[in-house]
């Protein structure tokens, strides 16, 4: 399935379980090309995830960004890790914990987070 950033935004995350299909590396790389700024993190063996750091204007702006991410995550029922550092840097890390790997849901959520923070 060839999906663009816009196409990913139009999809809905699906419930996951231990047998949910994980993405092959070629699909991960393909989807990453649709999500500028997002990077593959393989620092934990056999547990790939994607991450991106967003820069806010200040602490309060970052807290607003976290609230926007929360709203998207709740709607998708897929929740990222969020790290606020140095008062204006917001790192978002996404992985499907049910399979300890990456699924299409991770890229759908990343596209929607990118969109909500670009407004």
PDB file of N, CA and C in Angstrom:
ATOM      1  N   UNK A   1       0.845  -1.168   0.000  1.00  0.00           N
ATOM      2  CA  UNK A   1       0.000   0.000   0.000  1.00  0.00           C
ATOM      3  C   UNK A   1       0.892   1.233   0.000  1.00  0.00           C
ATOM      4  N   UNK A   2       0.779   2.052  -1.024  1.00  0.00           N
ATOM      5  CA  UNK A   2       1.541   3.293  -1.092  1.00  0.00           C
ATOM      6  C   UNK A   2       0.707   4.408  -0.485  1.00  0.00           C
ATOM      7  N   UNK A   3       1.227   4.986   0.569  1.00  0.00           N
ATOM      8  CA  UNK A   3       0.497   6.032   1.282  1.00  0.00           C
ATOM      9  C   UNK A   3       1.344   7.283   1.369  1.00  0.00           C
ATOM     10  N   UNK A   4       0.727   8.418   1.117  1.00  0.00           N
ATOM     11  CA  UNK A   4       1.398   9.695   1.294  1.00  0.00           C
ATOM     12  C   UNK A   4       1.081  10.219   2.691  1.00  0.00           C
ATOM     13  N   UNK A   5       1.760  11.317   3.067  1.00  0.00           N
ATOM     14  CA  UNK A   5       1.489  11.957   4.361  1.00  0.00           C
ATOM     15  C   UNK A   5       0.003  12.271   4.488  1.00  0.00           C
ATOM     16  N   UNK A   6      -0.595  12.806   3.427  1.00  0.00           N
ATOM     17  CA  UNK A   6      -2.009  13.143   3.449  1.00  0.00           C
ATOM     18  C   UNK A   6      -2.858  11.891   3.595  1.00  0.00           C
ATOM     19  N   UNK A   7      -2.485  10.820   2.908  1.00  0.00           N
ATOM     20  CA  UNK A   7      -3.233   9.568   3.009  1.00  0.00           C
ATOM     21  C   UNK A   7      -3.136   8.997   4.411  1.00  0.00           C
ATOM     22  N   UNK A   8      -1.955   9.067   5.016  1.00  0.00           N
ATOM     23  CA  UNK A   8      -1.791   8.570   6.380  1.00  0.00           C
ATOM     24  C   UNK A   8      -2.704   9.319   7.334  1.00  0.00           C
ATOM     25  N   UNK A   9      -2.816  10.632   7.152  1.00  0.00           N
ATOM     26  CA  UNK A   9      -3.680  11.444   8.019  1.00  0.00           C
ATOM     27  C   UNK A   9      -5.138  11.027   7.909  1.00  0.00           C
ATOM     28  N   UNK A  10      -5.536  10.523   6.751  1.00  0.00           N
ATOM     29  CA  UNK A  10      -6.926  10.139   6.520  1.00  0.00           C
ATOM     30  C   UNK A  10      -7.300   8.784   7.094  1.00  0.00           C
ATOM     31  N   UNK A  11      -6.315   8.027   7.569  1.00  0.00           N
ATOM     32  CA  UNK A  11      -6.577   6.703   8.125  1.00  0.00           C
ATOM     33  C   UNK A  11      -6.835   6.794   9.625  1.00  0.00           C
ATOM     34  N   UNK A  12      -7.408   5.765  10.172  1.00  0.00           N
ATOM     35  CA  UNK A  12      -7.682   5.674  11.602  1.00  0.00           C
ATOM     36  C   UNK A  12      -6.843   4.535  12.166  1.00  0.00           C
ATOM     37  N   UNK A  13      -6.235   4.747  13.321  1.00  0.00           N
ATOM     38  CA  UNK A  13      -5.498   3.677  13.988  1.00  0.00           C
ATOM     39  C   UNK A  13      -6.461   2.556  14.351  1.00  0.00           C
ATOM     40  N   UNK A  14      -5.994   1.326  14.179  1.00  0.00           N
ATOM     41  CA  UNK A  14      -6.796   0.148  14.491  1.00  0.00           C
ATOM     42  C   UNK A  14      -6.292  -0.503  15.775  1.00  0.00           C
ATOM     43  N   UNK A  15      -7.182  -1.132  16.528  1.00  0.00           N
ATOM     44  CA  UNK A  15      -6.748  -1.813  17.754  1.00  0.00           C
ATOM     45  C   UNK A  15      -5.663  -2.848  17.455  1.00  0.00           C
ATOM     46  N   UNK A  16      -4.689  -2.934  18.342  1.00  0.00           N
ATOM     47  CA  UNK A  16      -3.570  -3.855  18.154  1.00  0.00           C
ATOM     48  C   UNK A  16      -3.604  -4.950  19.205  1.00  0.00           C
ATOM     49  N   UNK A  17      -2.967  -6.045  18.853  1.00  0.00           N
ATOM     50  CA  UNK A  17      -2.801  -7.176  19.762  1.00  0.00           C
ATOM     51  C   UNK A  17      -1.463  -7.828  19.431  1.00  0.00           C
ATOM     52  N   UNK A  18      -1.108  -8.853  20.137  1.00  0.00           N
ATOM     53  CA  UNK A  18       0.225  -9.451  19.986  1.00  0.00           C
ATOM     54  C   UNK A  18       0.476 -10.029  18.599  1.00  0.00           C
ATOM     55  N   UNK A  19      -0.558 -10.234  17.798  1.00  0.00           N
ATOM     56  CA  UNK A  19      -0.381 -10.785  16.454  1.00  0.00           C
ATOM     57  C   UNK A  19      -0.548  -9.730  15.353  1.00  0.00           C
ATOM     58  N   UNK A  20      -0.601  -8.464  15.739  1.00  0.00           N
ATOM     59  CA  UNK A  20      -0.694  -7.382  14.762  1.00  0.00           C
ATOM     60  C   UNK A  20       0.541  -7.402  13.878  1.00  0.00           C
ATOM     61  N   UNK A  21       0.335  -7.194  12.584  1.00  0.00           N
ATOM     62  CA  UNK A  21       1.425  -7.242  11.617  1.00  0.00           C
ATOM     63  C   UNK A  21       2.403  -6.091  11.840  1.00  0.00           C
ATOM     64  N   UNK A  22       3.681  -6.439  11.944  1.00  0.00           N
ATOM     65  CA  UNK A  22       4.724  -5.413  12.041  1.00  0.00           C
ATOM     66  C   UNK A  22       5.186  -5.071  10.633  1.00  0.00           C
ATOM     67  N   UNK A  23       5.735  -3.887  10.484  1.00  0.00           N
ATOM     68  CA  UNK A  23       6.179  -3.440   9.172  1.00  0.00           C
ATOM     69  C   UNK A  23       7.596  -3.932   8.860  1.00  0.00           C
ATOM     70  N   UNK A  24       7.788  -4.322   7.615  1.00  0.00           N
ATOM     71  CA  UNK A  24       9.125  -4.670   7.134  1.00  0.00           C
ATOM     72  C   UNK A  24       9.932  -3.387   6.996  1.00  0.00           C
ATOM     73  N   UNK A  25      11.235  -3.506   7.030  1.00  0.00           N
ATOM     74  CA  UNK A  25      12.117  -2.329   6.977  1.00  0.00           C
ATOM     75  C   UNK A  25      11.873  -1.486   5.732  1.00  0.00           C
ATOM     76  N   UNK A  26      11.616  -2.102   4.584  1.00  0.00           N
ATOM     77  CA  UNK A  26      11.383  -1.307   3.375  1.00  0.00           C
ATOM     78  C   UNK A  26      10.122  -0.451   3.508  1.00  0.00           C
ATOM     79  N   UNK A  27       9.085  -0.948   4.198  1.00  0.00           N
ATOM     80  CA  UNK A  27       7.871  -0.148   4.416  1.00  0.00           C
ATOM     81  C   UNK A  27       8.133   0.974   5.421  1.00  0.00           C
ATOM     82  N   UNK A  28       8.912   0.677   6.458  1.00  0.00           N
ATOM     83  CA  UNK A  28       9.269   1.705   7.440  1.00  0.00           C
ATOM     84  C   UNK A  28       9.988   2.844   6.739  1.00  0.00           C
ATOM     85  N   UNK A  29      10.958   2.515   5.914  1.00  0.00           N
ATOM     86  CA  UNK A  29      11.723   3.543   5.189  1.00  0.00           C
ATOM     87  C   UNK A  29      10.823   4.316   4.234  1.00  0.00           C
ATOM     88  N   UNK A  30       9.911   3.622   3.570  1.00  0.00           N
ATOM     89  CA  UNK A  30       8.981   4.281   2.644  1.00  0.00           C
ATOM     90  C   UNK A  30       8.088   5.279   3.384  1.00  0.00           C
ATOM     91  N   UNK A  31       7.520   4.861   4.509  1.00  0.00           N
ATOM     92  CA  UNK A  31       6.645   5.749   5.265  1.00  0.00           C
ATOM     93  C   UNK A  31       7.421   6.922   5.861  1.00  0.00           C
ATOM     94  N   UNK A  32       8.651   6.688   6.266  1.00  0.00           N
ATOM     95  CA  UNK A  32       9.464   7.786   6.811  1.00  0.00           C
ATOM     96  C   UNK A  32       9.695   8.876   5.775  1.00  0.00           C
ATOM     97  N   UNK A  33       9.788   8.507   4.507  1.00  0.00           N
ATOM     98  CA  UNK A  33       9.967   9.528   3.468  1.00  0.00           C
ATOM     99  C   UNK A  33       8.745  10.440   3.376  1.00  0.00           C
ATOM    100  N   UNK A  34       7.597   9.964   3.848  1.00  0.00           N
ATOM    101  CA  UNK A  34       6.369  10.761   3.834  1.00  0.00           C
ATOM    102  C   UNK A  34       6.242  11.657   5.064  1.00  0.00           C
ATOM    103  N   UNK A  35       7.165  11.482   6.028  1.00  0.00           N
ATOM    104  CA  UNK A  35       7.074  12.209   7.296  1.00  0.00           C
ATOM    105  C   UNK A  35       8.384  12.932   7.593  1.00  0.00           C
ATOM    106  N   UNK A  36       8.644  14.036   6.922  1.00  0.00           N
ATOM    107  CA  UNK A  36       9.898  14.766   7.161  1.00  0.00           C
ATOM    108  C   UNK A  36      10.086  15.097   8.642  1.00  0.00           C
ATOM    109  N   UNK A  37      11.311  14.920   9.107  1.00  0.00           N
ATOM    110  CA  UNK A  37      11.641  15.225  10.490  1.00  0.00           C
ATOM    111  C   UNK A  37      11.578  14.010  11.401  1.00  0.00           C
ATOM    112  N   UNK A  38      10.818  13.009  11.026  1.00  0.00           N
ATOM    113  CA  UNK A  38      10.727  11.781  11.823  1.00  0.00           C
ATOM    114  C   UNK A  38      11.897  10.874  11.469  1.00  0.00           C
ATOM    115  N   UNK A  39      12.439  10.225  12.483  1.00  0.00           N
ATOM    116  CA  UNK A  39      13.603   9.358  12.284  1.00  0.00           C
ATOM    117  C   UNK A  39      13.358   7.993  12.911  1.00  0.00           C
ATOM    118  N   UNK A  40      13.990   7.007  12.320  1.00  0.00           N
ATOM    119  CA  UNK A  40      13.945   5.661  12.878  1.00  0.00           C
ATOM    120  C   UNK A  40      14.939   5.571  14.021  1.00  0.00           C
ATOM    121  N   UNK A  41      14.509   5.004  15.127  1.00  0.00           N
ATOM    122  CA  UNK A  41      15.370   4.795  16.291  1.00  0.00           C
ATOM    123  C   UNK A  41      15.467   3.288  16.525  1.00  0.00           C
ATOM    124  N   UNK A  42      16.658   2.768  16.348  1.00  0.00           N
ATOM    125  CA  UNK A  42      16.893   1.334  16.575  1.00  0.00           C
ATOM    126  C   UNK A  42      17.872   1.137  17.729  1.00  0.00           C
ATOM    127  N   UNK A  43      17.905   2.083  18.637  1.00  0.00           N
ATOM    128  CA  UNK A  43      18.869   2.021  19.739  1.00  0.00           C
ATOM    129  C   UNK A  43      18.577   0.881  20.716  1.00  0.00           C
ATOM    130  N   UNK A  44      17.339   0.422  20.740  1.00  0.00           N
ATOM    131  CA  UNK A  44      16.988  -0.723  21.570  1.00  0.00           C
ATOM    132  C   UNK A  44      16.839  -1.924  20.640  1.00  0.00           C
ATOM    133  N   UNK A  45      17.655  -2.920  20.832  1.00  0.00           N
ATOM    134  CA  UNK A  45      17.686  -4.080  19.938  1.00  0.00           C
ATOM    135  C   UNK A  45      16.306  -4.714  19.807  1.00  0.00           C
ATOM    136  N   UNK A  46      15.924  -4.991  18.569  1.00  0.00           N
ATOM    137  CA  UNK A  46      14.648  -5.645  18.246  1.00  0.00           C
ATOM    138  C   UNK A  46      13.426  -4.867  18.727  1.00  0.00           C
ATOM    139  N   UNK A  47      13.566  -3.557  18.845  1.00  0.00           N
ATOM    140  CA  UNK A  47      12.448  -2.732  19.302  1.00  0.00           C
ATOM    141  C   UNK A  47      12.478  -1.373  18.600  1.00  0.00           C
ATOM    142  N   UNK A  48      12.325  -1.365  17.264  1.00  0.00           N
ATOM    143  CA  UNK A  48      12.394  -0.084  16.551  1.00  0.00           C
ATOM    144  C   UNK A  48      11.233   0.823  16.900  1.00  0.00           C
ATOM    145  N   UNK A  49      11.479   2.112  16.804  1.00  0.00           N
ATOM    146  CA  UNK A  49      10.462   3.124  17.018  1.00  0.00           C
ATOM    147  C   UNK A  49      10.816   4.330  16.171  1.00  0.00           C
ATOM    148  N   UNK A  50       9.897   5.260  16.078  1.00  0.00           N
ATOM    149  CA  UNK A  50      10.173   6.504  15.358  1.00  0.00           C
ATOM    150  C   UNK A  50      10.107   7.644  16.352  1.00  0.00           C
ATOM    151  N   UNK A  51      10.883   8.693  16.042  1.00  0.00           N
ATOM    152  CA  UNK A  51      10.938   9.840  16.957  1.00  0.00           C
ATOM    153  C   UNK A  51      11.137  11.125  16.167  1.00  0.00           C
ATOM    154  N   UNK A  52      10.698  12.188  16.799  1.00  0.00           N
ATOM    155  CA  UNK A  52      10.914  13.522  16.240  1.00  0.00           C
ATOM    156  C   UNK A  52      10.944  14.518  17.388  1.00  0.00           C
ATOM    157  N   UNK A  53      11.798  15.531  17.257  1.00  0.00           N
ATOM    158  CA  UNK A  53      11.852  16.612  18.225  1.00  0.00           C
ATOM    159  C   UNK A  53      11.241  17.862  17.599  1.00  0.00           C
ATOM    160  N   UNK A  54      10.289  18.436  18.306  1.00  0.00           N
ATOM    161  CA  UNK A  54       9.653  19.691  17.909  1.00  0.00           C
ATOM    162  C   UNK A  54      10.172  20.783  18.833  1.00  0.00           C
ATOM    163  N   UNK A  55      10.306  21.999  18.308  1.00  0.00           N
ATOM    164  CA  UNK A  55      10.760  23.120  19.116  1.00  0.00           C
ATOM    165  C   UNK A  55       9.599  24.083  19.323  1.00  0.00           C
ATOM    166  N   UNK A  56       9.309  24.342  20.587  1.00  0.00           N
ATOM    167  CA  UNK A  56       8.268  25.299  20.928  1.00  0.00           C
ATOM    168  C   UNK A  56       8.870  26.675  21.167  1.00  0.00           C
ATOM    169  N   UNK A  57       8.015  27.677  21.299  1.00  0.00           N
ATOM    170  CA  UNK A  57       8.483  29.042  21.570  1.00  0.00           C
ATOM    171  C   UNK A  57       9.016  29.163  22.992  1.00  0.00           C
ATOM    172  N   UNK A  58       8.356  28.461  23.905  1.00  0.00           N
ATOM    173  CA  UNK A  58       8.724  28.507  25.321  1.00  0.00           C
ATOM    174  C   UNK A  58       8.028  27.350  26.027  1.00  0.00           C
ATOM    175  N   UNK A  59       8.154  27.289  27.327  1.00  0.00           N
ATOM    176  CA  UNK A  59       7.577  26.209  28.113  1.00  0.00           C
ATOM    177  C   UNK A  59       6.062  26.112  27.913  1.00  0.00           C
ATOM    178  N   UNK A  60       5.372  27.249  28.018  1.00  0.00           N
ATOM    179  CA  UNK A  60       3.910  27.237  27.896  1.00  0.00           C
ATOM    180  C   UNK A  60       3.457  26.747  26.529  1.00  0.00           C
ATOM    181  N   UNK A  61       4.170  27.151  25.506  1.00  0.00           N
ATOM    182  CA  UNK A  61       3.838  26.693  24.155  1.00  0.00           C
ATOM    183  C   UNK A  61       3.997  25.181  24.058  1.00  0.00           C
ATOM    184  N   UNK A  62       5.047  24.642  24.648  1.00  0.00           N
ATOM    185  CA  UNK A  62       5.260  23.185  24.629  1.00  0.00           C
ATOM    186  C   UNK A  62       4.160  22.448  25.377  1.00  0.00           C
ATOM    187  N   UNK A  63       3.695  23.008  26.477  1.00  0.00           N
ATOM    188  CA  UNK A  63       2.600  22.381  27.211  1.00  0.00           C
ATOM    189  C   UNK A  63       1.339  22.366  26.345  1.00  0.00           C
ATOM    190  N   UNK A  64       1.087  23.430  25.610  1.00  0.00           N
ATOM    191  CA  UNK A  64      -0.041  23.455  24.668  1.00  0.00           C
ATOM    192  C   UNK A  64       0.138  22.387  23.593  1.00  0.00           C
ATOM    193  N   UNK A  65       1.369  22.237  23.111  1.00  0.00           N
ATOM    194  CA  UNK A  65       1.652  21.209  22.112  1.00  0.00           C
ATOM    195  C   UNK A  65       1.359  19.815  22.675  1.00  0.00           C
ATOM    196  N   UNK A  66       1.731  19.585  23.923  1.00  0.00           N
ATOM    197  CA  UNK A  66       1.462  18.296  24.571  1.00  0.00           C
ATOM    198  C   UNK A  66      -0.049  18.049  24.629  1.00  0.00           C
ATOM    199  N   UNK A  67      -0.802  19.075  24.957  1.00  0.00           N
ATOM    200  CA  UNK A  67      -2.259  18.933  25.009  1.00  0.00           C
ATOM    201  C   UNK A  67      -2.836  18.597  23.634  1.00  0.00           C
ATOM    202  N   UNK A  68      -2.291  19.212  22.589  1.00  0.00           N
ATOM    203  CA  UNK A  68      -2.742  18.903  21.231  1.00  0.00           C
ATOM    204  C   UNK A  68      -2.414  17.454  20.868  1.00  0.00           C
ATOM    205  N   UNK A  69      -1.223  17.005  21.244  1.00  0.00           N
ATOM    206  CA  UNK A  69      -0.836  15.612  20.985  1.00  0.00           C
ATOM    207  C   UNK A  69      -1.753  14.670  21.755  1.00  0.00           C
ATOM    208  N   UNK A  70      -2.036  15.019  23.020  1.00  0.00           N
ATOM    209  CA  UNK A  70      -2.945  14.202  23.828  1.00  0.00           C
ATOM    210  C   UNK A  70      -4.289  14.034  23.135  1.00  0.00           C
ATOM    211  N   UNK A  71      -4.828  15.115  22.597  1.00  0.00           N
ATOM    212  CA  UNK A  71      -6.132  15.049  21.936  1.00  0.00           C
ATOM    213  C   UNK A  71      -6.109  14.103  20.747  1.00  0.00           C
ATOM    214  N   UNK A  72      -5.050  14.188  19.947  1.00  0.00           N
ATOM    215  CA  UNK A  72      -4.913  13.296  18.788  1.00  0.00           C
ATOM    216  C   UNK A  72      -4.752  11.855  19.258  1.00  0.00           C
ATOM    217  N   UNK A  73      -3.895  11.638  20.235  1.00  0.00           N
ATOM    218  CA  UNK A  73      -3.626  10.286  20.735  1.00  0.00           C
ATOM    219  C   UNK A  73      -4.889   9.652  21.311  1.00  0.00           C
ATOM    220  N   UNK A  74      -5.669  10.421  22.040  1.00  0.00           N
ATOM    221  CA  UNK A  74      -6.900   9.888  22.612  1.00  0.00           C
ATOM    222  C   UNK A  74      -7.888   9.497  21.516  1.00  0.00           C
ATOM    223  N   UNK A  75      -7.996  10.343  20.501  1.00  0.00           N
ATOM    224  CA  UNK A  75      -8.910  10.045  19.392  1.00  0.00           C
ATOM    225  C   UNK A  75      -8.479   8.783  18.660  1.00  0.00           C
ATOM    226  N   UNK A  76      -7.176   8.590  18.512  1.00  0.00           N
ATOM    227  CA  UNK A  76      -6.659   7.421  17.793  1.00  0.00           C
ATOM    228  C   UNK A  76      -6.493   6.201  18.704  1.00  0.00           C
ATOM    229  N   UNK A  77      -6.610   6.403  20.004  1.00  0.00           N
ATOM    230  CA  UNK A  77      -6.351   5.353  20.997  1.00  0.00           C
ATOM    231  C   UNK A  77      -4.976   4.705  20.760  1.00  0.00           C
ATOM    232  N   UNK A  78      -4.016   5.569  20.499  1.00  0.00           N
ATOM    233  CA  UNK A  78      -2.626   5.143  20.277  1.00  0.00           C
ATOM    234  C   UNK A  78      -1.763   6.239  20.892  1.00  0.00           C
ATOM    235  N   UNK A  79      -0.961   5.901  21.872  1.00  0.00           N
ATOM    236  CA  UNK A  79      -0.328   6.916  22.709  1.00  0.00           C
ATOM    237  C   UNK A  79       1.187   6.894  22.604  1.00  0.00           C
ATOM    238  N   UNK A  80       1.781   8.048  22.316  1.00  0.00           N
ATOM    239  CA  UNK A  80       3.238   8.148  22.211  1.00  0.00           C
ATOM    240  C   UNK A  80       3.886   8.449  23.558  1.00  0.00           C
ATOM    241  N   UNK A  81       5.177   8.302  23.591  1.00  0.00           N
ATOM    242  CA  UNK A  81       5.961   8.843  24.700  1.00  0.00           C
ATOM    243  C   UNK A  81       6.215  10.308  24.358  1.00  0.00           C
ATOM    244  N   UNK A  82       6.150  11.177  25.357  1.00  0.00           N
ATOM    245  CA  UNK A  82       6.395  12.603  25.146  1.00  0.00           C
ATOM    246  C   UNK A  82       7.392  13.064  26.198  1.00  0.00           C
ATOM    247  N   UNK A  83       8.466  13.712  25.736  1.00  0.00           N
ATOM    248  CA  UNK A  83       9.508  14.193  26.641  1.00  0.00           C
ATOM    249  C   UNK A  83       9.719  15.690  26.409  1.00  0.00           C
ATOM    250  N   UNK A  84       9.514  16.485  27.436  1.00  0.00           N
ATOM    251  CA  UNK A  84       9.759  17.921  27.381  1.00  0.00           C
ATOM    252  C   UNK A  84      11.118  18.189  28.015  1.00  0.00           C
ATOM    253  N   UNK A  85      12.033  18.768  27.246  1.00  0.00           N
ATOM    254  CA  UNK A  85      13.373  19.033  27.754  1.00  0.00           C
ATOM    255  C   UNK A  85      13.777  20.471  27.472  1.00  0.00           C
ATOM    256  N   UNK A  86      14.607  20.973  28.342  1.00  0.00           N
ATOM    257  CA  UNK A  86      15.194  22.310  28.203  1.00  0.00           C
ATOM    258  C   UNK A  86      14.153  23.385  27.887  1.00  0.00           C
ATOM    259  N   UNK A  87      12.967  23.220  28.464  1.00  0.00           N
ATOM    260  CA  UNK A  87      11.894  24.214  28.435  1.00  0.00           C
ATOM    261  C   UNK A  87      11.234  24.457  27.083  1.00  0.00           C
ATOM    262  N   UNK A  88      11.844  24.015  25.984  1.00  0.00           N
ATOM    263  CA  UNK A  88      11.198  24.284  24.695  1.00  0.00           C
ATOM    264  C   UNK A  88      11.388  23.198  23.647  1.00  0.00           C
ATOM    265  N   UNK A  89      11.893  22.058  24.051  1.00  0.00           N
ATOM    266  CA  UNK A  89      12.072  20.957  23.102  1.00  0.00           C
ATOM    267  C   UNK A  89      11.157  19.808  23.489  1.00  0.00           C
ATOM    268  N   UNK A  90      10.391  19.360  22.540  1.00  0.00           N
ATOM    269  CA  UNK A  90       9.417  18.316  22.770  1.00  0.00           C
ATOM    270  C   UNK A  90       9.764  17.129  21.887  1.00  0.00           C
ATOM    271  N   UNK A  91      10.177  16.048  22.513  1.00  0.00           N
ATOM    272  CA  UNK A  91      10.500  14.839  21.766  1.00  0.00           C
ATOM    273  C   UNK A  91       9.320  13.879  21.851  1.00  0.00           C
ATOM    274  N   UNK A  92       8.903  13.386  20.690  1.00  0.00           N
ATOM    275  CA  UNK A  92       7.796  12.444  20.599  1.00  0.00           C
ATOM    276  C   UNK A  92       8.360  11.127  20.069  1.00  0.00           C
ATOM    277  N   UNK A  93       8.075  10.048  20.795  1.00  0.00           N
ATOM    278  CA  UNK A  93       8.548   8.718  20.424  1.00  0.00           C
ATOM    279  C   UNK A  93       7.328   7.817  20.263  1.00  0.00           C
ATOM    280  N   UNK A  94       7.275   7.109  19.134  1.00  0.00           N
ATOM    281  CA  UNK A  94       6.105   6.284  18.843  1.00  0.00           C
ATOM    282  C   UNK A  94       6.530   4.858  18.509  1.00  0.00           C
ATOM    283  N   UNK A  95       5.786   3.923  19.079  1.00  0.00           N
ATOM    284  CA  UNK A  95       5.976   2.504  18.822  1.00  0.00           C
ATOM    285  C   UNK A  95       4.672   1.809  19.212  1.00  0.00           C
ATOM    286  N   UNK A  96       4.373   0.709  18.571  1.00  0.00           N
ATOM    287  CA  UNK A  96       3.225  -0.093  18.976  1.00  0.00           C
ATOM    288  C   UNK A  96       3.700  -1.063  20.048  1.00  0.00           C
ATOM    289  N   UNK A  97       3.353  -0.761  21.287  1.00  0.00           N
ATOM    290  CA  UNK A  97       3.865  -1.527  22.418  1.00  0.00           C
ATOM    291  C   UNK A  97       3.344  -2.959  22.439  1.00  0.00           C
ATOM    292  N   UNK A  98       2.161  -3.197  21.860  1.00  0.00           N
ATOM    293  CA  UNK A  98       1.596  -4.552  21.848  1.00  0.00           C
ATOM    294  C   UNK A  98       2.496  -5.543  21.110  1.00  0.00           C
ATOM    295  N   UNK A  99       3.263  -5.027  20.137  1.00  0.00           N
ATOM    296  CA  UNK A  99       4.164  -5.902  19.371  1.00  0.00           C
ATOM    297  C   UNK A  99       5.625  -5.494  19.537  1.00  0.00           C
ATOM    298  N   UNK A 100       5.874  -4.460  20.342  1.00  0.00           N
ATOM    299  CA  UNK A 100       7.236  -3.980  20.581  1.00  0.00           C
ATOM    300  C   UNK A 100       7.962  -3.698  19.266  1.00  0.00           C
ATOM    301  N   UNK A 101       7.234  -3.075  18.342  1.00  0.00           N
ATOM    302  CA  UNK A 101       7.751  -2.851  16.998  1.00  0.00           C
ATOM    303  C   UNK A 101       6.931  -1.744  16.350  1.00  0.00           C
ATOM    304  N   UNK A 102       7.120  -1.565  15.053  1.00  0.00           N
ATOM    305  CA  UNK A 102       6.394  -0.537  14.313  1.00  0.00           C
ATOM    306  C   UNK A 102       5.293  -1.150  13.463  1.00  0.00           C
ATOM    307  N   UNK A 103       4.135  -0.483  13.485  1.00  0.00           N
ATOM    308  CA  UNK A 103       2.990  -0.868  12.658  1.00  0.00           C
ATOM    309  C   UNK A 103       2.524   0.374  11.903  1.00  0.00           C
ATOM    310  N   UNK A 104       1.569   0.180  11.027  1.00  0.00           N
ATOM    311  CA  UNK A 104       1.027   1.315  10.282  1.00  0.00           C
ATOM    312  C   UNK A 104       0.452   2.358  11.234  1.00  0.00           C
ATOM    313  N   UNK A 105      -0.078   1.931  12.379  1.00  0.00           N
ATOM    314  CA  UNK A 105      -0.639   2.886  13.349  1.00  0.00           C
ATOM    315  C   UNK A 105       0.375   3.947  13.760  1.00  0.00           C
ATOM    316  N   UNK A 106       1.632   3.558  13.889  1.00  0.00           N
ATOM    317  CA  UNK A 106       2.663   4.503  14.325  1.00  0.00           C
ATOM    318  C   UNK A 106       2.838   5.631  13.319  1.00  0.00           C
ATOM    319  N   UNK A 107       2.744   5.308  12.051  1.00  0.00           N
ATOM    320  CA  UNK A 107       2.919   6.316  11.016  1.00  0.00           C
ATOM    321  C   UNK A 107       1.658   7.160  10.842  1.00  0.00           C
ATOM    322  N   UNK A 108       0.511   6.561  11.060  1.00  0.00           N
ATOM    323  CA  UNK A 108      -0.739   7.329  11.055  1.00  0.00           C
ATOM    324  C   UNK A 108      -0.688   8.365  12.175  1.00  0.00           C
ATOM    325  N   UNK A 109      -0.319   7.923  13.371  1.00  0.00           N
ATOM    326  CA  UNK A 109      -0.242   8.847  14.508  1.00  0.00           C
ATOM    327  C   UNK A 109       0.799   9.934  14.262  1.00  0.00           C
ATOM    328  N   UNK A 110       1.958   9.573  13.733  1.00  0.00           N
ATOM    329  CA  UNK A 110       3.004  10.568  13.448  1.00  0.00           C
ATOM    330  C   UNK A 110       2.506  11.616  12.460  1.00  0.00           C
ATOM    331  N   UNK A 111       1.794  11.188  11.425  1.00  0.00           N
ATOM    332  CA  UNK A 111       1.265  12.139  10.435  1.00  0.00           C
ATOM    333  C   UNK A 111       0.260  13.086  11.092  1.00  0.00           C
ATOM    334  N   UNK A 112      -0.584  12.551  11.948  1.00  0.00           N
ATOM    335  CA  UNK A 112      -1.594  13.381  12.606  1.00  0.00           C
ATOM    336  C   UNK A 112      -0.982  14.327  13.630  1.00  0.00           C
ATOM    337  N   UNK A 113       0.034  13.868  14.335  1.00  0.00           N
ATOM    338  CA  UNK A 113       0.734  14.750  15.280  1.00  0.00           C
ATOM    339  C   UNK A 113       1.420  15.873  14.525  1.00  0.00           C
ATOM    340  N   UNK A 114       2.102  15.531  13.445  1.00  0.00           N
ATOM    341  CA  UNK A 114       2.779  16.556  12.639  1.00  0.00           C
ATOM    342  C   UNK A 114       1.785  17.586  12.157  1.00  0.00           C
ATOM    343  N   UNK A 115       0.646  17.130  11.700  1.00  0.00           N
ATOM    344  CA  UNK A 115      -0.386  18.037  11.194  1.00  0.00           C
ATOM    345  C   UNK A 115      -0.929  18.939  12.299  1.00  0.00           C
ATOM    346  N   UNK A 116      -1.206  18.370  13.469  1.00  0.00           N
ATOM    347  CA  UNK A 116      -1.795  19.201  14.548  1.00  0.00           C
ATOM    348  C   UNK A 116      -0.807  20.200  15.094  1.00  0.00           C
ATOM    349  N   UNK A 117       0.487  19.913  15.028  1.00  0.00           N
ATOM    350  CA  UNK A 117       1.496  20.849  15.534  1.00  0.00           C
ATOM    351  C   UNK A 117       1.915  21.871  14.484  1.00  0.00           C
ATOM    352  N   UNK A 118       1.504  21.651  13.237  1.00  0.00           N
ATOM    353  CA  UNK A 118       1.857  22.586  12.158  1.00  0.00           C
ATOM    354  C   UNK A 118       0.845  23.698  12.019  1.00  0.00           C
ATOM    355  N   UNK A 119      -0.250  23.598  12.755  1.00  0.00           N
ATOM    356  CA  UNK A 119      -1.325  24.603  12.631  1.00  0.00           C
ATOM    357  C   UNK A 119      -0.943  25.885  13.311  1.00  0.00           C
TER     358      UNK A 119
END
